[in-house]
Amino acid sequence: MFELWKDEEGLTTVEYALLLALVVVAGIIAWRGLGGTVRTTVNNSADNISGAATP
């Protein structure tokens, strides 16, 4: 058991898994935070384009 505790070979895999989890959580937070803003901007742009006068 002590040999497994001192074995650092699998440590890199764990570090990459934790980093990936952190990136995923940050992506979800960004998506939720910016999603409404992007949706509002696109809708406003579409309204302005459809309401614009045609020559």
PDB file of N, CA and C in Angstrom:
ATOM      1  N   MET A   1       0.823  -1.196   0.000  1.00  0.00           N
ATOM      2  CA  MET A   1       0.000   0.000   0.000  1.00  0.00           C
ATOM      3  C   MET A   1       0.865   1.256   0.000  1.00  0.00           C
ATOM      4  N   PHE A   2       1.962   1.213   0.751  1.00  0.00           N
ATOM      5  CA  PHE A   2       2.846   2.367   0.828  1.00  0.00           C
ATOM      6  C   PHE A   2       3.500   2.653  -0.525  1.00  0.00           C
ATOM      7  N   GLU A   3       3.754   1.587  -1.307  1.00  0.00           N
ATOM      8  CA  GLU A   3       4.348   1.773  -2.640  1.00  0.00           C
ATOM      9  C   GLU A   3       3.386   2.526  -3.556  1.00  0.00           C
ATOM     10  N   LEU A   4       2.113   2.211  -3.469  1.00  0.00           N
ATOM     11  CA  LEU A   4       1.123   2.918  -4.288  1.00  0.00           C
ATOM     12  C   LEU A   4       1.014   4.383  -3.882  1.00  0.00           C
ATOM     13  N   TRP A   5       1.169   4.664  -2.598  1.00  0.00           N
ATOM     14  CA  TRP A   5       1.081   6.030  -2.099  1.00  0.00           C
ATOM     15  C   TRP A   5       2.224   6.885  -2.626  1.00  0.00           C
ATOM     16  N   LYS A   6       3.420   6.294  -2.710  1.00  0.00           N
ATOM     17  CA  LYS A   6       4.594   7.040  -3.156  1.00  0.00           C
ATOM     18  C   LYS A   6       4.718   7.084  -4.677  1.00  0.00           C
ATOM     19  N   ASP A   7       3.946   6.266  -5.384  1.00  0.00           N
ATOM     20  CA  ASP A   7       4.030   6.215  -6.841  1.00  0.00           C
ATOM     21  C   ASP A   7       3.469   7.507  -7.423  1.00  0.00           C
ATOM     22  N   GLU A   8       4.286   8.240  -8.162  1.00  0.00           N
ATOM     23  CA  GLU A   8       3.872   9.525  -8.732  1.00  0.00           C
ATOM     24  C   GLU A   8       3.565   9.426 -10.219  1.00  0.00           C
ATOM     25  N   GLU A   9       3.544   8.232 -10.757  1.00  0.00           N
ATOM     26  CA  GLU A   9       3.327   8.059 -12.187  1.00  0.00           C
ATOM     27  C   GLU A   9       1.924   8.487 -12.611  1.00  0.00           C
ATOM     28  N   GLY A  10       0.921   8.170 -11.821  1.00  0.00           N
ATOM     29  CA  GLY A  10      -0.452   8.528 -12.161  1.00  0.00           C
ATOM     30  C   GLY A  10      -0.828   9.942 -11.759  1.00  0.00           C
ATOM     31  N   LEU A  11       0.091  10.642 -11.150  1.00  0.00           N
ATOM     32  CA  LEU A  11      -0.199  11.987 -10.664  1.00  0.00           C
ATOM     33  C   LEU A  11      -0.527  12.941 -11.809  1.00  0.00           C
ATOM     34  N   THR A  12       0.167  12.830 -12.905  1.00  0.00           N
ATOM     35  CA  THR A  12      -0.079  13.718 -14.037  1.00  0.00           C
ATOM     36  C   THR A  12      -1.498  13.540 -14.569  1.00  0.00           C
ATOM     37  N   THR A  13      -1.969  12.313 -14.614  1.00  0.00           N
ATOM     38  CA  THR A  13      -3.326  12.055 -15.080  1.00  0.00           C
ATOM     39  C   THR A  13      -4.350  12.739 -14.182  1.00  0.00           C
ATOM     40  N   VAL A  14      -4.137  12.655 -12.890  1.00  0.00           N
ATOM     41  CA  VAL A  14      -5.050  13.300 -11.944  1.00  0.00           C
ATOM     42  C   VAL A  14      -5.007  14.812 -12.112  1.00  0.00           C
ATOM     43  N   GLU A  15      -3.831  15.358 -12.301  1.00  0.00           N
ATOM     44  CA  GLU A  15      -3.708  16.807 -12.487  1.00  0.00           C
ATOM     45  C   GLU A  15      -4.428  17.259 -13.748  1.00  0.00           C
ATOM     46  N   TYR A  16      -4.273  16.502 -14.839  1.00  0.00           N
ATOM     47  CA  TYR A  16      -4.968  16.862 -16.073  1.00  0.00           C
ATOM     48  C   TYR A  16      -6.483  16.730 -15.913  1.00  0.00           C
ATOM     49  N   ALA A  17      -6.932  15.731 -15.188  1.00  0.00           N
ATOM     50  CA  ALA A  17      -8.369  15.560 -14.963  1.00  0.00           C
ATOM     51  C   ALA A  17      -8.927  16.725 -14.153  1.00  0.00           C
ATOM     52  N   LEU A  18      -8.196  17.154 -13.129  1.00  0.00           N
ATOM     53  CA  LEU A  18      -8.643  18.305 -12.340  1.00  0.00           C
ATOM     54  C   LEU A  18      -8.644  19.582 -13.167  1.00  0.00           C
ATOM     55  N   LEU A  19      -7.640  19.761 -14.008  1.00  0.00           N
ATOM     56  CA  LEU A  19      -7.584  20.934 -14.876  1.00  0.00           C
ATOM     57  C   LEU A  19      -8.745  20.932 -15.864  1.00  0.00           C
ATOM     58  N   LEU A  20      -9.035  19.771 -16.432  1.00  0.00           N
ATOM     59  CA  LEU A  20     -10.159  19.665 -17.359  1.00  0.00           C
ATOM     60  C   LEU A  20     -11.476  19.987 -16.658  1.00  0.00           C
ATOM     61  N   ALA A  21     -11.644  19.489 -15.444  1.00  0.00           N
ATOM     62  CA  ALA A  21     -12.860  19.779 -14.685  1.00  0.00           C
ATOM     63  C   ALA A  21     -12.984  21.275 -14.413  1.00  0.00           C
ATOM     64  N   LEU A  22     -11.880  21.920 -14.085  1.00  0.00           N
ATOM     65  CA  LEU A  22     -11.894  23.360 -13.836  1.00  0.00           C
ATOM     66  C   LEU A  22     -12.269  24.136 -15.096  1.00  0.00           C
ATOM     67  N   VAL A  23     -11.730  23.730 -16.236  1.00  0.00           N
ATOM     68  CA  VAL A  23     -12.046  24.401 -17.500  1.00  0.00           C
ATOM     69  C   VAL A  23     -13.521  24.211 -17.846  1.00  0.00           C
ATOM     70  N   VAL A  24     -14.042  23.020 -17.614  1.00  0.00           N
ATOM     71  CA  VAL A  24     -15.453  22.761 -17.907  1.00  0.00           C
ATOM     72  C   VAL A  24     -16.355  23.621 -17.024  1.00  0.00           C
ATOM     73  N   VAL A  25     -16.046  23.694 -15.743  1.00  0.00           N
ATOM     74  CA  VAL A  25     -16.848  24.513 -14.826  1.00  0.00           C
ATOM     75  C   VAL A  25     -16.775  25.984 -15.228  1.00  0.00           C
ATOM     76  N   ALA A  26     -15.586  26.466 -15.577  1.00  0.00           N
ATOM     77  CA  ALA A  26     -15.444  27.861 -16.009  1.00  0.00           C
ATOM     78  C   ALA A  26     -16.231  28.110 -17.294  1.00  0.00           C
ATOM     79  N   GLY A  27     -16.219  27.148 -18.204  1.00  0.00           N
ATOM     80  CA  GLY A  27     -16.980  27.284 -19.443  1.00  0.00           C
ATOM     81  C   GLY A  27     -18.476  27.349 -19.199  1.00  0.00           C
ATOM     82  N   ILE A  28     -18.953  26.523 -18.291  1.00  0.00           N
ATOM     83  CA  ILE A  28     -20.384  26.533 -17.967  1.00  0.00           C
ATOM     84  C   ILE A  28     -20.784  27.861 -17.334  1.00  0.00           C
ATOM     85  N   ILE A  29     -19.956  28.352 -16.435  1.00  0.00           N
ATOM     86  CA  ILE A  29     -20.252  29.639 -15.793  1.00  0.00           C
ATOM     87  C   ILE A  29     -20.256  30.762 -16.825  1.00  0.00           C
ATOM     88  N   ALA A  30     -19.284  30.760 -17.721  1.00  0.00           N
ATOM     89  CA  ALA A  30     -19.223  31.794 -18.763  1.00  0.00           C
ATOM     90  C   ALA A  30     -20.422  31.689 -19.698  1.00  0.00           C
ATOM     91  N   TRP A  31     -20.788  30.472 -20.070  1.00  0.00           N
ATOM     92  CA  TRP A  31     -21.917  30.265 -20.976  1.00  0.00           C
ATOM     93  C   TRP A  31     -23.212  30.780 -20.348  1.00  0.00           C
ATOM     94  N   ARG A  32     -23.407  30.473 -19.075  1.00  0.00           N
ATOM     95  CA  ARG A  32     -24.622  30.927 -18.396  1.00  0.00           C
ATOM     96  C   ARG A  32     -24.616  32.434 -18.206  1.00  0.00           C
ATOM     97  N   GLY A  33     -23.463  33.010 -17.935  1.00  0.00           N
ATOM     98  CA  GLY A  33     -23.382  34.445 -17.703  1.00  0.00           C
ATOM     99  C   GLY A  33     -23.520  35.259 -18.972  1.00  0.00           C
ATOM    100  N   LEU A  34     -22.926  34.779 -20.056  1.00  0.00           N
ATOM    101  CA  LEU A  34     -22.940  35.536 -21.306  1.00  0.00           C
ATOM    102  C   LEU A  34     -24.076  35.145 -22.236  1.00  0.00           C
ATOM    103  N   GLY A  35     -24.708  34.029 -21.984  1.00  0.00           N
ATOM    104  CA  GLY A  35     -25.762  33.546 -22.874  1.00  0.00           C
ATOM    105  C   GLY A  35     -26.893  34.537 -23.038  1.00  0.00           C
ATOM    106  N   GLY A  36     -27.369  35.100 -21.952  1.00  0.00           N
ATOM    107  CA  GLY A  36     -28.464  36.064 -22.020  1.00  0.00           C
ATOM    108  C   GLY A  36     -28.059  37.340 -22.724  1.00  0.00           C
ATOM    109  N   THR A  37     -26.840  37.784 -22.498  1.00  0.00           N
ATOM    110  CA  THR A  37     -26.344  39.003 -23.142  1.00  0.00           C
ATOM    111  C   THR A  37     -26.237  38.817 -24.646  1.00  0.00           C
ATOM    112  N   VAL A  38     -25.697  37.692 -25.058  1.00  0.00           N
ATOM    113  CA  VAL A  38     -25.566  37.419 -26.497  1.00  0.00           C
ATOM    114  C   VAL A  38     -26.942  37.303 -27.133  1.00  0.00           C
ATOM    115  N   ARG A  39     -27.856  36.617 -26.474  1.00  0.00           N
ATOM    116  CA  ARG A  39     -29.208  36.453 -27.012  1.00  0.00           C
ATOM    117  C   ARG A  39     -29.888  37.810 -27.175  1.00  0.00           C
ATOM    118  N   THR A  40     -29.763  38.681 -26.184  1.00  0.00           N
ATOM    119  CA  THR A  40     -30.371  40.007 -26.242  1.00  0.00           C
ATOM    120  C   THR A  40     -29.766  40.836 -27.367  1.00  0.00           C
ATOM    121  N   THR A  41     -28.455  40.779 -27.516  1.00  0.00           N
ATOM    122  CA  THR A  41     -27.786  41.542 -28.569  1.00  0.00           C
ATOM    123  C   THR A  41     -28.214  41.073 -29.950  1.00  0.00           C
ATOM    124  N   VAL A  42     -28.293  39.767 -30.144  1.00  0.00           N
ATOM    125  CA  VAL A  42     -28.709  39.233 -31.445  1.00  0.00           C
ATOM    126  C   VAL A  42     -30.158  39.610 -31.729  1.00  0.00           C
ATOM    127  N   ASN A  43     -31.018  39.509 -30.746  1.00  0.00           N
ATOM    128  CA  ASN A  43     -32.423  39.883 -30.955  1.00  0.00           C
ATOM    129  C   ASN A  43     -32.572  41.366 -31.269  1.00  0.00           C
ATOM    130  N   ASN A  44     -31.835  42.219 -30.575  1.00  0.00           N
ATOM    131  CA  ASN A  44     -31.890  43.655 -30.864  1.00  0.00           C
ATOM    132  C   ASN A  44     -31.384  43.955 -32.264  1.00  0.00           C
ATOM    133  N   SER A  45     -30.314  43.290 -32.667  1.00  0.00           N
ATOM    134  CA  SER A  45     -29.786  43.493 -34.021  1.00  0.00           C
ATOM    135  C   SER A  45     -30.796  43.039 -35.065  1.00  0.00           C
ATOM    136  N   ALA A  46     -31.434  41.909 -34.835  1.00  0.00           N
ATOM    137  CA  ALA A  46     -32.432  41.414 -35.780  1.00  0.00           C
ATOM    138  C   ALA A  46     -33.622  42.362 -35.860  1.00  0.00           C
ATOM    139  N   ASP A  47     -34.038  42.902 -34.734  1.00  0.00           N
ATOM    140  CA  ASP A  47     -35.142  43.867 -34.739  1.00  0.00           C
ATOM    141  C   ASP A  47     -34.763  45.131 -35.505  1.00  0.00           C
ATOM    142  N   ASN A  48     -33.534  45.602 -35.321  1.00  0.00           N
ATOM    143  CA  ASN A  48     -33.085  46.802 -36.033  1.00  0.00           C
ATOM    144  C   ASN A  48     -32.992  46.556 -37.529  1.00  0.00           C
ATOM    145  N   ILE A  49     -32.545  45.379 -37.915  1.00  0.00           N
ATOM    146  CA  ILE A  49     -32.427  45.069 -39.344  1.00  0.00           C
ATOM    147  C   ILE A  49     -33.812  44.948 -39.972  1.00  0.00           C
ATOM    148  N   SER A  50     -34.721  44.266 -39.299  1.00  0.00           N
ATOM    149  CA  SER A  50     -36.058  44.083 -39.877  1.00  0.00           C
ATOM    150  C   SER A  50     -36.861  45.381 -39.866  1.00  0.00           C
ATOM    151  N   GLY A  51     -36.534  46.295 -38.964  1.00  0.00           N
ATOM    152  CA  GLY A  51     -37.256  47.563 -38.899  1.00  0.00           C
ATOM    153  C   GLY A  51     -36.619  48.664 -39.722  1.00  0.00           C
ATOM    154  N   ALA A  52     -35.497  48.374 -40.349  1.00  0.00           N
ATOM    155  CA  ALA A  52     -34.804  49.397 -41.138  1.00  0.00           C
ATOM    156  C   ALA A  52     -35.580  49.685 -42.418  1.00  0.00           C
ATOM    157  N   ALA A  53     -35.512  50.928 -42.840  1.00  0.00           N
ATOM    158  CA  ALA A  53     -36.201  51.330 -44.069  1.00  0.00           C
ATOM    159  C   ALA A  53     -35.438  50.801 -45.274  1.00  0.00           C
ATOM    160  N   THR A  54     -36.175  50.313 -46.238  1.00  0.00           N
ATOM    161  CA  THR A  54     -35.543  49.846 -47.474  1.00  0.00           C
ATOM    162  C   THR A  54     -35.560  50.972 -48.495  1.00  0.00           C
ATOM    163  N   PRO A  55     -34.475  51.124 -49.215  1.00  0.00           N
ATOM    164  CA  PRO A  55     -34.422  52.233 -50.200  1.00  0.00           C
ATOM    165  C   PRO A  55     -35.277  51.982 -51.410  1.00  0.00           C
TER     166      PRO A  55
END
